[in-house]
Amino acid sequence: LSTDSQLLFSTQKIEGQWYIVRFESIYEQ
């Protein structure tokens, strides 16, 4: 099973380091 998608990462710099604050996906085929 192979699923092509766009992985969407919202990141933010907190106390000098980048962190993922939101992770979503758009499915294509």
mmCIF file of all heavy atoms, coordinates in Angstrom:
data_MODEL
# 
_entry.id   MODEL 
# 
loop_
_atom_site.group_PDB 
_atom_site.id 
_atom_site.type_symbol 
_atom_site.label_atom_id 
_atom_site.label_alt_id 
_atom_site.label_comp_id 
_atom_site.label_asym_id 
_atom_site.label_entity_id 
_atom_site.label_seq_id 
_atom_site.pdbx_PDB_ins_code 
_atom_site.Cartn_x 
_atom_site.Cartn_y 
_atom_site.Cartn_z 
_atom_site.occupancy 
_atom_site.B_iso_or_equiv 
_atom_site.pdbx_formal_charge 
_atom_site.auth_seq_id 
_atom_site.auth_comp_id 
_atom_site.auth_asym_id 
_atom_site.auth_atom_id 
_atom_site.pdbx_PDB_model_num 
ATOM 1   N N   . LEU A 1 1  ? 0.861  -1.176 0.000  1.00 0.00 ? 1  LEU A N   1 
ATOM 2   C CA  . LEU A 1 1  ? 0.000  0.000  0.000  1.00 0.00 ? 1  LEU A CA  1 
ATOM 3   C C   . LEU A 1 1  ? 0.900  1.229  0.000  1.00 0.00 ? 1  LEU A C   1 
ATOM 4   O O   . LEU A 1 1  ? 1.719  1.411  0.903  1.00 0.00 ? 1  LEU A O   1 
ATOM 5   C CB  . LEU A 1 1  ? -0.895 0.006  1.239  1.00 0.00 ? 1  LEU A CB  1 
ATOM 6   C CG  . LEU A 1 1  ? -1.680 1.294  1.500  1.00 0.00 ? 1  LEU A CG  1 
ATOM 7   C CD1 . LEU A 1 1  ? -2.689 1.546  0.388  1.00 0.00 ? 1  LEU A CD1 1 
ATOM 8   C CD2 . LEU A 1 1  ? -2.362 1.245  2.861  1.00 0.00 ? 1  LEU A CD2 1 
ATOM 9   N N   . SER A 1 2  ? 0.776  2.077  -1.020 1.00 0.00 ? 2  SER A N   1 
ATOM 10  C CA  . SER A 1 2  ? 1.560  3.302  -1.122 1.00 0.00 ? 2  SER A CA  1 
ATOM 11  C C   . SER A 1 2  ? 0.616  4.483  -1.191 1.00 0.00 ? 2  SER A C   1 
ATOM 12  O O   . SER A 1 2  ? -0.302 4.502  -2.031 1.00 0.00 ? 2  SER A O   1 
ATOM 13  C CB  . SER A 1 2  ? 2.461  3.281  -2.361 1.00 0.00 ? 2  SER A CB  1 
ATOM 14  O OG  . SER A 1 2  ? 3.372  2.204  -2.311 1.00 0.00 ? 2  SER A OG  1 
ATOM 15  N N   . THR A 1 3  ? 0.819  5.450  -0.318 1.00 0.00 ? 3  THR A N   1 
ATOM 16  C CA  . THR A 1 3  ? -0.051 6.621  -0.251 1.00 0.00 ? 3  THR A CA  1 
ATOM 17  C C   . THR A 1 3  ? 0.773  7.878  -0.451 1.00 0.00 ? 3  THR A C   1 
ATOM 18  O O   . THR A 1 3  ? 1.664  8.181  0.353  1.00 0.00 ? 3  THR A O   1 
ATOM 19  C CB  . THR A 1 3  ? -0.760 6.687  1.121  1.00 0.00 ? 3  THR A CB  1 
ATOM 20  O OG1 . THR A 1 3  ? -1.462 5.470  1.358  1.00 0.00 ? 3  THR A OG1 1 
ATOM 21  C CG2 . THR A 1 3  ? -1.738 7.850  1.156  1.00 0.00 ? 3  THR A CG2 1 
ATOM 22  N N   . ASP A 1 4  ? 0.500  8.614  -1.530 1.00 0.00 ? 4  ASP A N   1 
ATOM 23  C CA  . ASP A 1 4  ? 1.187  9.874  -1.801 1.00 0.00 ? 4  ASP A CA  1 
ATOM 24  C C   . ASP A 1 4  ? 0.467  11.004 -1.071 1.00 0.00 ? 4  ASP A C   1 
ATOM 25  O O   . ASP A 1 4  ? -0.768 11.128 -1.161 1.00 0.00 ? 4  ASP A O   1 
ATOM 26  C CB  . ASP A 1 4  ? 1.198  10.175 -3.300 1.00 0.00 ? 4  ASP A CB  1 
ATOM 27  C CG  . ASP A 1 4  ? 1.994  9.144  -4.086 1.00 0.00 ? 4  ASP A CG  1 
ATOM 28  O OD1 . ASP A 1 4  ? 2.940  8.563  -3.511 1.00 0.00 ? 4  ASP A OD1 1 
ATOM 29  O OD2 . ASP A 1 4  ? 1.664  8.910  -5.262 1.00 0.00 ? 4  ASP A OD2 1 
ATOM 30  N N   . SER A 1 5  ? 1.240  11.821 -0.370 1.00 0.00 ? 5  SER A N   1 
ATOM 31  C CA  . SER A 1 5  ? 0.614  12.896 0.398  1.00 0.00 ? 5  SER A CA  1 
ATOM 32  C C   . SER A 1 5  ? 1.549  14.080 0.562  1.00 0.00 ? 5  SER A C   1 
ATOM 33  O O   . SER A 1 5  ? 2.762  13.976 0.336  1.00 0.00 ? 5  SER A O   1 
ATOM 34  C CB  . SER A 1 5  ? 0.198  12.387 1.785  1.00 0.00 ? 5  SER A CB  1 
ATOM 35  O OG  . SER A 1 5  ? 1.335  11.950 2.512  1.00 0.00 ? 5  SER A OG  1 
ATOM 36  N N   . GLN A 1 6  ? 0.955  15.203 0.938  1.00 0.00 ? 6  GLN A N   1 
ATOM 37  C CA  . GLN A 1 6  ? 1.711  16.376 1.358  1.00 0.00 ? 6  GLN A CA  1 
ATOM 38  C C   . GLN A 1 6  ? 1.669  16.411 2.882  1.00 0.00 ? 6  GLN A C   1 
ATOM 39  O O   . GLN A 1 6  ? 0.590  16.485 3.469  1.00 0.00 ? 6  GLN A O   1 
ATOM 40  C CB  . GLN A 1 6  ? 1.090  17.658 0.800  1.00 0.00 ? 6  GLN A CB  1 
ATOM 41  C CG  . GLN A 1 6  ? 1.036  17.755 -0.709 1.00 0.00 ? 6  GLN A CG  1 
ATOM 42  C CD  . GLN A 1 6  ? 0.360  19.024 -1.170 1.00 0.00 ? 6  GLN A CD  1 
ATOM 43  O OE1 . GLN A 1 6  ? 0.441  20.066 -0.520 1.00 0.00 ? 6  GLN A OE1 1 
ATOM 44  N NE2 . GLN A 1 6  ? -0.329 18.952 -2.297 1.00 0.00 ? 6  GLN A NE2 1 
ATOM 45  N N   . LEU A 1 7  ? 2.824  16.334 3.513  1.00 0.00 ? 7  LEU A N   1 
ATOM 46  C CA  . LEU A 1 7  ? 2.895  16.437 4.960  1.00 0.00 ? 7  LEU A CA  1 
ATOM 47  C C   . LEU A 1 7  ? 3.134  17.896 5.312  1.00 0.00 ? 7  LEU A C   1 
ATOM 48  O O   . LEU A 1 7  ? 4.085  18.515 4.832  1.00 0.00 ? 7  LEU A O   1 
ATOM 49  C CB  . LEU A 1 7  ? 4.016  15.557 5.508  1.00 0.00 ? 7  LEU A CB  1 
ATOM 50  C CG  . LEU A 1 7  ? 3.961  14.081 5.103  1.00 0.00 ? 7  LEU A CG  1 
ATOM 51  C CD1 . LEU A 1 7  ? 5.088  13.302 5.782  1.00 0.00 ? 7  LEU A CD1 1 
ATOM 52  C CD2 . LEU A 1 7  ? 2.614  13.469 5.439  1.00 0.00 ? 7  LEU A CD2 1 
ATOM 53  N N   . LEU A 1 8  ? 2.277  18.455 6.138  1.00 0.00 ? 8  LEU A N   1 
ATOM 54  C CA  . LEU A 1 8  ? 2.295  19.884 6.438  1.00 0.00 ? 8  LEU A CA  1 
ATOM 55  C C   . LEU A 1 8  ? 2.755  20.096 7.880  1.00 0.00 ? 8  LEU A C   1 
ATOM 56  O O   . LEU A 1 8  ? 2.083  19.675 8.825  1.00 0.00 ? 8  LEU A O   1 
ATOM 57  C CB  . LEU A 1 8  ? 0.910  20.485 6.243  1.00 0.00 ? 8  LEU A CB  1 
ATOM 58  C CG  . LEU A 1 8  ? 0.207  20.135 4.918  1.00 0.00 ? 8  LEU A CG  1 
ATOM 59  C CD1 . LEU A 1 8  ? -1.221 20.638 4.923  1.00 0.00 ? 8  LEU A CD1 1 
ATOM 60  C CD2 . LEU A 1 8  ? 0.974  20.698 3.734  1.00 0.00 ? 8  LEU A CD2 1 
ATOM 61  N N   . PHE A 1 9  ? 3.891  20.744 8.027  1.00 0.00 ? 9  PHE A N   1 
ATOM 62  C CA  . PHE A 1 9  ? 4.458  20.988 9.350  1.00 0.00 ? 9  PHE A CA  1 
ATOM 63  C C   . PHE A 1 9  ? 4.436  22.488 9.650  1.00 0.00 ? 9  PHE A C   1 
ATOM 64  O O   . PHE A 1 9  ? 5.062  23.269 8.932  1.00 0.00 ? 9  PHE A O   1 
ATOM 65  C CB  . PHE A 1 9  ? 5.897  20.496 9.434  1.00 0.00 ? 9  PHE A CB  1 
ATOM 66  C CG  . PHE A 1 9  ? 6.043  19.004 9.335  1.00 0.00 ? 9  PHE A CG  1 
ATOM 67  C CD1 . PHE A 1 9  ? 6.211  18.390 8.101  1.00 0.00 ? 9  PHE A CD1 1 
ATOM 68  C CD2 . PHE A 1 9  ? 6.028  18.212 10.469 1.00 0.00 ? 9  PHE A CD2 1 
ATOM 69  C CE1 . PHE A 1 9  ? 6.362  17.009 8.002  1.00 0.00 ? 9  PHE A CE1 1 
ATOM 70  C CE2 . PHE A 1 9  ? 6.177  16.834 10.388 1.00 0.00 ? 9  PHE A CE2 1 
ATOM 71  C CZ  . PHE A 1 9  ? 6.340  16.230 9.153  1.00 0.00 ? 9  PHE A CZ  1 
ATOM 72  N N   . SER A 1 10 ? 3.728  22.875 10.699 1.00 0.00 ? 10 SER A N   1 
ATOM 73  C CA  . SER A 1 10 ? 3.829  24.233 11.225 1.00 0.00 ? 10 SER A CA  1 
ATOM 74  C C   . SER A 1 10 ? 4.842  24.188 12.358 1.00 0.00 ? 10 SER A C   1 
ATOM 75  O O   . SER A 1 10 ? 4.703  23.384 13.288 1.00 0.00 ? 10 SER A O   1 
ATOM 76  C CB  . SER A 1 10 ? 2.476  24.711 11.757 1.00 0.00 ? 10 SER A CB  1 
ATOM 77  O OG  . SER A 1 10 ? 1.503  24.712 10.724 1.00 0.00 ? 10 SER A OG  1 
ATOM 78  N N   . THR A 1 11 ? 5.885  25.001 12.259 1.00 0.00 ? 11 THR A N   1 
ATOM 79  C CA  . THR A 1 11 ? 6.931  24.992 13.271 1.00 0.00 ? 11 THR A CA  1 
ATOM 80  C C   . THR A 1 11 ? 7.105  26.378 13.871 1.00 0.00 ? 11 THR A C   1 
ATOM 81  O O   . THR A 1 11 ? 6.771  27.388 13.239 1.00 0.00 ? 11 THR A O   1 
ATOM 82  C CB  . THR A 1 11 ? 8.271  24.510 12.686 1.00 0.00 ? 11 THR A CB  1 
ATOM 83  O OG1 . THR A 1 11 ? 8.615  25.316 11.552 1.00 0.00 ? 11 THR A OG1 1 
ATOM 84  C CG2 . THR A 1 11 ? 8.184  23.052 12.263 1.00 0.00 ? 11 THR A CG2 1 
ATOM 85  N N   . GLN A 1 12 ? 7.633  26.413 15.083 1.00 0.00 ? 12 GLN A N   1 
ATOM 86  C CA  . GLN A 1 12 ? 7.831  27.683 15.778 1.00 0.00 ? 12 GLN A CA  1 
ATOM 87  C C   . GLN A 1 12 ? 9.122  27.623 16.579 1.00 0.00 ? 12 GLN A C   1 
ATOM 88  O O   . GLN A 1 12 ? 9.458  26.584 17.163 1.00 0.00 ? 12 GLN A O   1 
ATOM 89  C CB  . GLN A 1 12 ? 6.650  27.977 16.697 1.00 0.00 ? 12 GLN A CB  1 
ATOM 90  C CG  . GLN A 1 12 ? 6.646  29.384 17.261 1.00 0.00 ? 12 GLN A CG  1 
ATOM 91  C CD  . GLN A 1 12 ? 5.288  29.780 17.822 1.00 0.00 ? 12 GLN A CD  1 
ATOM 92  O OE1 . GLN A 1 12 ? 4.348  28.990 17.800 1.00 0.00 ? 12 GLN A OE1 1 
ATOM 93  N NE2 . GLN A 1 12 ? 5.176  30.991 18.312 1.00 0.00 ? 12 GLN A NE2 1 
ATOM 94  N N   . LYS A 1 13 ? 9.833  28.734 16.594 1.00 0.00 ? 13 LYS A N   1 
ATOM 95  C CA  . LYS A 1 13 ? 11.065 28.821 17.365 1.00 0.00 ? 13 LYS A CA  1 
ATOM 96  C C   . LYS A 1 13 ? 10.727 29.230 18.785 1.00 0.00 ? 13 LYS A C   1 
ATOM 97  O O   . LYS A 1 13 ? 10.187 30.320 19.018 1.00 0.00 ? 13 LYS A O   1 
ATOM 98  C CB  . LYS A 1 13 ? 12.028 29.816 16.724 1.00 0.00 ? 13 LYS A CB  1 
ATOM 99  C CG  . LYS A 1 13 ? 13.469 29.668 17.200 1.00 0.00 ? 13 LYS A CG  1 
ATOM 100 C CD  . LYS A 1 13 ? 14.407 30.521 16.373 1.00 0.00 ? 13 LYS A CD  1 
ATOM 101 C CE  . LYS A 1 13 ? 15.862 30.197 16.687 1.00 0.00 ? 13 LYS A CE  1 
ATOM 102 N NZ  . LYS A 1 13 ? 16.805 31.011 15.873 1.00 0.00 ? 13 LYS A NZ  1 
ATOM 103 N N   . ILE A 1 14 ? 11.021 28.333 19.722 1.00 0.00 ? 14 ILE A N   1 
ATOM 104 C CA  . ILE A 1 14 ? 10.678 28.535 21.127 1.00 0.00 ? 14 ILE A CA  1 
ATOM 105 C C   . ILE A 1 14 ? 11.954 28.400 21.946 1.00 0.00 ? 14 ILE A C   1 
ATOM 106 O O   . ILE A 1 14 ? 12.609 27.359 21.918 1.00 0.00 ? 14 ILE A O   1 
ATOM 107 C CB  . ILE A 1 14 ? 9.633  27.510 21.595 1.00 0.00 ? 14 ILE A CB  1 
ATOM 108 C CG1 . ILE A 1 14 ? 8.373  27.591 20.712 1.00 0.00 ? 14 ILE A CG1 1 
ATOM 109 C CG2 . ILE A 1 14 ? 9.276  27.711 23.060 1.00 0.00 ? 14 ILE A CG2 1 
ATOM 110 C CD1 . ILE A 1 14 ? 7.394  26.461 20.939 1.00 0.00 ? 14 ILE A CD1 1 
ATOM 111 N N   . GLU A 1 15 ? 12.310 29.460 22.636 1.00 0.00 ? 15 GLU A N   1 
ATOM 112 C CA  . GLU A 1 15 ? 13.514 29.471 23.470 1.00 0.00 ? 15 GLU A CA  1 
ATOM 113 C C   . GLU A 1 15 ? 14.743 29.017 22.685 1.00 0.00 ? 15 GLU A C   1 
ATOM 114 O O   . GLU A 1 15 ? 15.554 28.213 23.149 1.00 0.00 ? 15 GLU A O   1 
ATOM 115 C CB  . GLU A 1 15 ? 13.313 28.609 24.722 1.00 0.00 ? 15 GLU A CB  1 
ATOM 116 C CG  . GLU A 1 15 ? 12.208 29.127 25.640 1.00 0.00 ? 15 GLU A CG  1 
ATOM 117 C CD  . GLU A 1 15 ? 12.029 28.266 26.878 1.00 0.00 ? 15 GLU A CD  1 
ATOM 118 O OE1 . GLU A 1 15 ? 12.678 27.211 26.969 1.00 0.00 ? 15 GLU A OE1 1 
ATOM 119 O OE2 . GLU A 1 15 ? 11.256 28.673 27.767 1.00 0.00 ? 15 GLU A OE2 1 
ATOM 120 N N   . GLY A 1 16 ? 14.838 29.540 21.454 1.00 0.00 ? 16 GLY A N   1 
ATOM 121 C CA  . GLY A 1 16 ? 16.027 29.307 20.647 1.00 0.00 ? 16 GLY A CA  1 
ATOM 122 C C   . GLY A 1 16 ? 16.041 28.042 19.815 1.00 0.00 ? 16 GLY A C   1 
ATOM 123 O O   . GLY A 1 16 ? 16.984 27.814 19.053 1.00 0.00 ? 16 GLY A O   1 
ATOM 124 N N   . GLN A 1 17 ? 14.990 27.208 19.918 1.00 0.00 ? 17 GLN A N   1 
ATOM 125 C CA  . GLN A 1 17 ? 14.934 25.963 19.165 1.00 0.00 ? 17 GLN A CA  1 
ATOM 126 C C   . GLN A 1 17 ? 13.615 25.862 18.394 1.00 0.00 ? 17 GLN A C   1 
ATOM 127 O O   . GLN A 1 17 ? 12.574 26.305 18.880 1.00 0.00 ? 17 GLN A O   1 
ATOM 128 C CB  . GLN A 1 17 ? 15.057 24.753 20.101 1.00 0.00 ? 17 GLN A CB  1 
ATOM 129 C CG  . GLN A 1 17 ? 16.420 24.621 20.776 1.00 0.00 ? 17 GLN A CG  1 
ATOM 130 C CD  . GLN A 1 17 ? 17.516 24.244 19.802 1.00 0.00 ? 17 GLN A CD  1 
ATOM 131 O OE1 . GLN A 1 17 ? 17.273 23.638 18.762 1.00 0.00 ? 17 GLN A OE1 1 
ATOM 132 N NE2 . GLN A 1 17 ? 18.755 24.602 20.146 1.00 0.00 ? 17 GLN A NE2 1 
ATOM 133 N N   . TRP A 1 18 ? 13.671 25.257 17.201 1.00 0.00 ? 18 TRP A N   1 
ATOM 134 C CA  . TRP A 1 18 ? 12.464 25.043 16.419 1.00 0.00 ? 18 TRP A CA  1 
ATOM 135 C C   . TRP A 1 18 ? 11.748 23.778 16.890 1.00 0.00 ? 18 TRP A C   1 
ATOM 136 O O   . TRP A 1 18 ? 12.383 22.755 17.155 1.00 0.00 ? 18 TRP A O   1 
ATOM 137 C CB  . TRP A 1 18 ? 12.801 24.909 14.934 1.00 0.00 ? 18 TRP A CB  1 
ATOM 138 C CG  . TRP A 1 18 ? 13.221 26.199 14.316 1.00 0.00 ? 18 TRP A CG  1 
ATOM 139 C CD1 . TRP A 1 18 ? 14.500 26.668 14.156 1.00 0.00 ? 18 TRP A CD1 1 
ATOM 140 C CD2 . TRP A 1 18 ? 12.358 27.215 13.778 1.00 0.00 ? 18 TRP A CD2 1 
ATOM 141 N NE1 . TRP A 1 18 ? 14.485 27.895 13.558 1.00 0.00 ? 18 TRP A NE1 1 
ATOM 142 C CE2 . TRP A 1 18 ? 13.197 28.260 13.317 1.00 0.00 ? 18 TRP A CE2 1 
ATOM 143 C CE3 . TRP A 1 18 ? 10.981 27.339 13.651 1.00 0.00 ? 18 TRP A CE3 1 
ATOM 144 C CZ2 . TRP A 1 18 ? 12.683 29.410 12.725 1.00 0.00 ? 18 TRP A CZ2 1 
ATOM 145 C CZ3 . TRP A 1 18 ? 10.472 28.479 13.059 1.00 0.00 ? 18 TRP A CZ3 1 
ATOM 146 C CH2 . TRP A 1 18 ? 11.314 29.504 12.610 1.00 0.00 ? 18 TRP A CH2 1 
ATOM 147 N N   . TYR A 1 19 ? 10.419 23.867 16.987 1.00 0.00 ? 19 TYR A N   1 
ATOM 148 C CA  . TYR A 1 19 ? 9.585  22.737 17.380 1.00 0.00 ? 19 TYR A CA  1 
ATOM 149 C C   . TYR A 1 19 ? 8.385  22.638 16.437 1.00 0.00 ? 19 TYR A C   1 
ATOM 150 O O   . TYR A 1 19 ? 7.926  23.643 15.882 1.00 0.00 ? 19 TYR A O   1 
ATOM 151 C CB  . TYR A 1 19 ? 9.059  22.898 18.810 1.00 0.00 ? 19 TYR A CB  1 
ATOM 152 C CG  . TYR A 1 19 ? 10.110 22.803 19.879 1.00 0.00 ? 19 TYR A CG  1 
ATOM 153 C CD1 . TYR A 1 19 ? 10.773 23.950 20.324 1.00 0.00 ? 19 TYR A CD1 1 
ATOM 154 C CD2 . TYR A 1 19 ? 10.440 21.581 20.456 1.00 0.00 ? 19 TYR A CD2 1 
ATOM 155 C CE1 . TYR A 1 19 ? 11.751 23.873 21.309 1.00 0.00 ? 19 TYR A CE1 1 
ATOM 156 C CE2 . TYR A 1 19 ? 11.416 21.492 21.450 1.00 0.00 ? 19 TYR A CE2 1 
ATOM 157 C CZ  . TYR A 1 19 ? 12.062 22.640 21.866 1.00 0.00 ? 19 TYR A CZ  1 
ATOM 158 O OH  . TYR A 1 19 ? 13.027 22.558 22.849 1.00 0.00 ? 19 TYR A OH  1 
ATOM 159 N N   . ILE A 1 20 ? 7.859  21.442 16.289 1.00 0.00 ? 20 ILE A N   1 
ATOM 160 C CA  . ILE A 1 20 ? 6.628  21.235 15.522 1.00 0.00 ? 20 ILE A CA  1 
ATOM 161 C C   . ILE A 1 20 ? 5.449  21.592 16.412 1.00 0.00 ? 20 ILE A C   1 
ATOM 162 O O   . ILE A 1 20 ? 5.295  21.047 17.508 1.00 0.00 ? 20 ILE A O   1 
ATOM 163 C CB  . ILE A 1 20 ? 6.511  19.774 15.055 1.00 0.00 ? 20 ILE A CB  1 
ATOM 164 C CG1 . ILE A 1 20 ? 7.683  19.405 14.154 1.00 0.00 ? 20 ILE A CG1 1 
ATOM 165 C CG2 . ILE A 1 20 ? 5.174  19.542 14.331 1.00 0.00 ? 20 ILE A CG2 1 
ATOM 166 C CD1 . ILE A 1 20 ? 7.823  17.916 13.905 1.00 0.00 ? 20 ILE A CD1 1 
ATOM 167 N N   . VAL A 1 21 ? 4.608  22.521 15.951 1.00 0.00 ? 21 VAL A N   1 
ATOM 168 C CA  . VAL A 1 21 ? 3.436  22.902 16.725 1.00 0.00 ? 21 VAL A CA  1 
ATOM 169 C C   . VAL A 1 21 ? 2.150  22.338 16.114 1.00 0.00 ? 21 VAL A C   1 
ATOM 170 O O   . VAL A 1 21 ? 1.112  22.254 16.790 1.00 0.00 ? 21 VAL A O   1 
ATOM 171 C CB  . VAL A 1 21 ? 3.320  24.433 16.876 1.00 0.00 ? 21 VAL A CB  1 
ATOM 172 C CG1 . VAL A 1 21 ? 4.493  24.975 17.668 1.00 0.00 ? 21 VAL A CG1 1 
ATOM 173 C CG2 . VAL A 1 21 ? 3.227  25.127 15.515 1.00 0.00 ? 21 VAL A CG2 1 
ATOM 174 N N   . ARG A 1 22 ? 2.227  21.964 14.836 1.00 0.00 ? 22 ARG A N   1 
ATOM 175 C CA  . ARG A 1 22 ? 1.056  21.376 14.179 1.00 0.00 ? 22 ARG A CA  1 
ATOM 176 C C   . ARG A 1 22 ? 1.538  20.500 13.015 1.00 0.00 ? 22 ARG A C   1 
ATOM 177 O O   . ARG A 1 22 ? 2.464  20.871 12.299 1.00 0.00 ? 22 ARG A O   1 
ATOM 178 C CB  . ARG A 1 22 ? 0.100  22.455 13.670 1.00 0.00 ? 22 ARG A CB  1 
ATOM 179 C CG  . ARG A 1 22 ? -1.271 21.930 13.261 1.00 0.00 ? 22 ARG A CG  1 
ATOM 180 C CD  . ARG A 1 22 ? -2.207 23.080 12.926 1.00 0.00 ? 22 ARG A CD  1 
ATOM 181 N NE  . ARG A 1 22 ? -3.532 22.629 12.542 1.00 0.00 ? 22 ARG A NE  1 
ATOM 182 C CZ  . ARG A 1 22 ? -4.567 22.500 13.357 1.00 0.00 ? 22 ARG A CZ  1 
ATOM 183 N NH1 . ARG A 1 22 ? -4.433 22.810 14.626 1.00 0.00 ? 22 ARG A NH1 1 
ATOM 184 N NH2 . ARG A 1 22 ? -5.736 22.076 12.925 1.00 0.00 ? 22 ARG A NH2 1 
ATOM 185 N N   . PHE A 1 23 ? 0.896  19.350 12.869 1.00 0.00 ? 23 PHE A N   1 
ATOM 186 C CA  . PHE A 1 23 ? 1.260  18.415 11.811 1.00 0.00 ? 23 PHE A CA  1 
ATOM 187 C C   . PHE A 1 23 ? -0.015 17.888 11.185 1.00 0.00 ? 23 PHE A C   1 
ATOM 188 O O   . PHE A 1 23 ? -0.873 17.336 11.865 1.00 0.00 ? 23 PHE A O   1 
ATOM 189 C CB  . PHE A 1 23 ? 2.103  17.269 12.398 1.00 0.00 ? 23 PHE A CB  1 
ATOM 190 C CG  . PHE A 1 23 ? 2.350  16.124 11.448 1.00 0.00 ? 23 PHE A CG  1 
ATOM 191 C CD1 . PHE A 1 23 ? 2.627  16.342 10.106 1.00 0.00 ? 23 PHE A CD1 1 
ATOM 192 C CD2 . PHE A 1 23 ? 2.324  14.818 11.904 1.00 0.00 ? 23 PHE A CD2 1 
ATOM 193 C CE1 . PHE A 1 23 ? 2.864  15.289 9.238  1.00 0.00 ? 23 PHE A CE1 1 
ATOM 194 C CE2 . PHE A 1 23 ? 2.559  13.748 11.054 1.00 0.00 ? 23 PHE A CE2 1 
ATOM 195 C CZ  . PHE A 1 23 ? 2.823  13.984 9.712  1.00 0.00 ? 23 PHE A CZ  1 
ATOM 196 N N   . GLU A 1 24 ? -0.153 18.085 9.861  1.00 0.00 ? 24 GLU A N   1 
ATOM 197 C CA  . GLU A 1 24 ? -1.353 17.678 9.132  1.00 0.00 ? 24 GLU A CA  1 
ATOM 198 C C   . GLU A 1 24 ? -0.941 17.045 7.813  1.00 0.00 ? 24 GLU A C   1 
ATOM 199 O O   . GLU A 1 24 ? 0.237  16.983 7.478  1.00 0.00 ? 24 GLU A O   1 
ATOM 200 C CB  . GLU A 1 24 ? -2.258 18.886 8.887  1.00 0.00 ? 24 GLU A CB  1 
ATOM 201 C CG  . GLU A 1 24 ? -2.675 19.602 10.159 1.00 0.00 ? 24 GLU A CG  1 
ATOM 202 C CD  . GLU A 1 24 ? -3.140 21.024 9.889  1.00 0.00 ? 24 GLU A CD  1 
ATOM 203 O OE1 . GLU A 1 24 ? -2.264 21.906 9.772  1.00 0.00 ? 24 GLU A OE1 1 
ATOM 204 O OE2 . GLU A 1 24 ? -4.354 21.237 9.812  1.00 0.00 ? 24 GLU A OE2 1 
ATOM 205 N N   . SER A 1 25 ? -1.928 16.599 7.055  1.00 0.00 ? 25 SER A N   1 
ATOM 206 C CA  . SER A 1 25 ? -1.619 15.963 5.776  1.00 0.00 ? 25 SER A CA  1 
ATOM 207 C C   . SER A 1 25 ? -2.708 16.247 4.756  1.00 0.00 ? 25 SER A C   1 
ATOM 208 O O   . SER A 1 25 ? -3.894 16.365 5.103  1.00 0.00 ? 25 SER A O   1 
ATOM 209 C CB  . SER A 1 25 ? -1.469 14.448 5.978  1.00 0.00 ? 25 SER A CB  1 
ATOM 210 O OG  . SER A 1 25 ? -1.056 13.825 4.782  1.00 0.00 ? 25 SER A OG  1 
ATOM 211 N N   . ILE A 1 26 ? -2.286 16.376 3.501  1.00 0.00 ? 26 ILE A N   1 
ATOM 212 C CA  . ILE A 1 26 ? -3.208 16.442 2.366  1.00 0.00 ? 26 ILE A CA  1 
ATOM 213 C C   . ILE A 1 26 ? -2.959 15.185 1.538  1.00 0.00 ? 26 ILE A C   1 
ATOM 214 O O   . ILE A 1 26 ? -1.822 14.924 1.112  1.00 0.00 ? 26 ILE A O   1 
ATOM 215 C CB  . ILE A 1 26 ? -2.962 17.697 1.505  1.00 0.00 ? 26 ILE A CB  1 
ATOM 216 C CG1 . ILE A 1 26 ? -3.288 18.961 2.292  1.00 0.00 ? 26 ILE A CG1 1 
ATOM 217 C CG2 . ILE A 1 26 ? -3.800 17.630 0.220  1.00 0.00 ? 26 ILE A CG2 1 
ATOM 218 C CD1 . ILE A 1 26 ? -2.923 20.246 1.564  1.00 0.00 ? 26 ILE A CD1 1 
ATOM 219 N N   . TYR A 1 27 ? -3.989 14.402 1.312  1.00 0.00 ? 27 TYR A N   1 
ATOM 220 C CA  . TYR A 1 27 ? -3.837 13.132 0.609  1.00 0.00 ? 27 TYR A CA  1 
ATOM 221 C C   . TYR A 1 27 ? -4.084 13.326 -0.886 1.00 0.00 ? 27 TYR A C   1 
ATOM 222 O O   . TYR A 1 27 ? -5.000 14.039 -1.292 1.00 0.00 ? 27 TYR A O   1 
ATOM 223 C CB  . TYR A 1 27 ? -4.778 12.087 1.212  1.00 0.00 ? 27 TYR A CB  1 
ATOM 224 C CG  . TYR A 1 27 ? -4.396 11.789 2.642  1.00 0.00 ? 27 TYR A CG  1 
ATOM 225 C CD1 . TYR A 1 27 ? -4.965 12.502 3.699  1.00 0.00 ? 27 TYR A CD1 1 
ATOM 226 C CD2 . TYR A 1 27 ? -3.414 10.846 2.926  1.00 0.00 ? 27 TYR A CD2 1 
ATOM 227 C CE1 . TYR A 1 27 ? -4.571 12.269 5.009  1.00 0.00 ? 27 TYR A CE1 1 
ATOM 228 C CE2 . TYR A 1 27 ? -3.016 10.606 4.234  1.00 0.00 ? 27 TYR A CE2 1 
ATOM 229 C CZ  . TYR A 1 27 ? -3.596 11.318 5.267  1.00 0.00 ? 27 TYR A CZ  1 
ATOM 230 O OH  . TYR A 1 27 ? -3.195 11.096 6.561  1.00 0.00 ? 27 TYR A OH  1 
ATOM 231 N N   . GLU A 1 28 ? -3.252 12.675 -1.698 1.00 0.00 ? 28 GLU A N   1 
ATOM 232 C CA  . GLU A 1 28 ? -3.313 12.865 -3.144 1.00 0.00 ? 28 GLU A CA  1 
ATOM 233 C C   . GLU A 1 28 ? -3.834 11.627 -3.870 1.00 0.00 ? 28 GLU A C   1 
ATOM 234 O O   . GLU A 1 28 ? -4.824 11.695 -4.591 1.00 0.00 ? 28 GLU A O   1 
ATOM 235 C CB  . GLU A 1 28 ? -1.919 13.240 -3.666 1.00 0.00 ? 28 GLU A CB  1 
ATOM 236 C CG  . GLU A 1 28 ? -1.417 14.566 -3.103 1.00 0.00 ? 28 GLU A CG  1 
ATOM 237 C CD  . GLU A 1 28 ? -0.058 14.964 -3.643 1.00 0.00 ? 28 GLU A CD  1 
ATOM 238 O OE1 . GLU A 1 28 ? 0.684  14.070 -4.107 1.00 0.00 ? 28 GLU A OE1 1 
ATOM 239 O OE2 . GLU A 1 28 ? 0.258  16.164 -3.621 1.00 0.00 ? 28 GLU A OE2 1 
ATOM 240 N N   . GLN A 1 29 ? -3.157 10.500 -3.689 1.00 0.00 ? 29 GLN A N   1 
ATOM 241 C CA  . GLN A 1 29 ? -3.585 9.263  -4.352 1.00 0.00 ? 29 GLN A CA  1 
ATOM 242 C C   . GLN A 1 29 ? -2.904 8.089  -3.664 1.00 0.00 ? 29 GLN A C   1 
ATOM 243 O O   . GLN A 1 29 ? -1.919 8.257  -2.949 1.00 0.00 ? 29 GLN A O   1 
ATOM 244 C CB  . GLN A 1 29 ? -3.210 9.282  -5.839 1.00 0.00 ? 29 GLN A CB  1 
ATOM 245 C CG  . GLN A 1 29 ? -1.713 9.366  -6.089 1.00 0.00 ? 29 GLN A CG  1 
ATOM 246 C CD  . GLN A 1 29 ? -1.359 9.418  -7.553 1.00 0.00 ? 29 GLN A CD  1 
ATOM 247 O OE1 . GLN A 1 29 ? -2.219 9.403  -8.432 1.00 0.00 ? 29 GLN A OE1 1 
ATOM 248 N NE2 . GLN A 1 29 ? -0.072 9.457  -7.862 1.00 0.00 ? 29 GLN A NE2 1 
# 
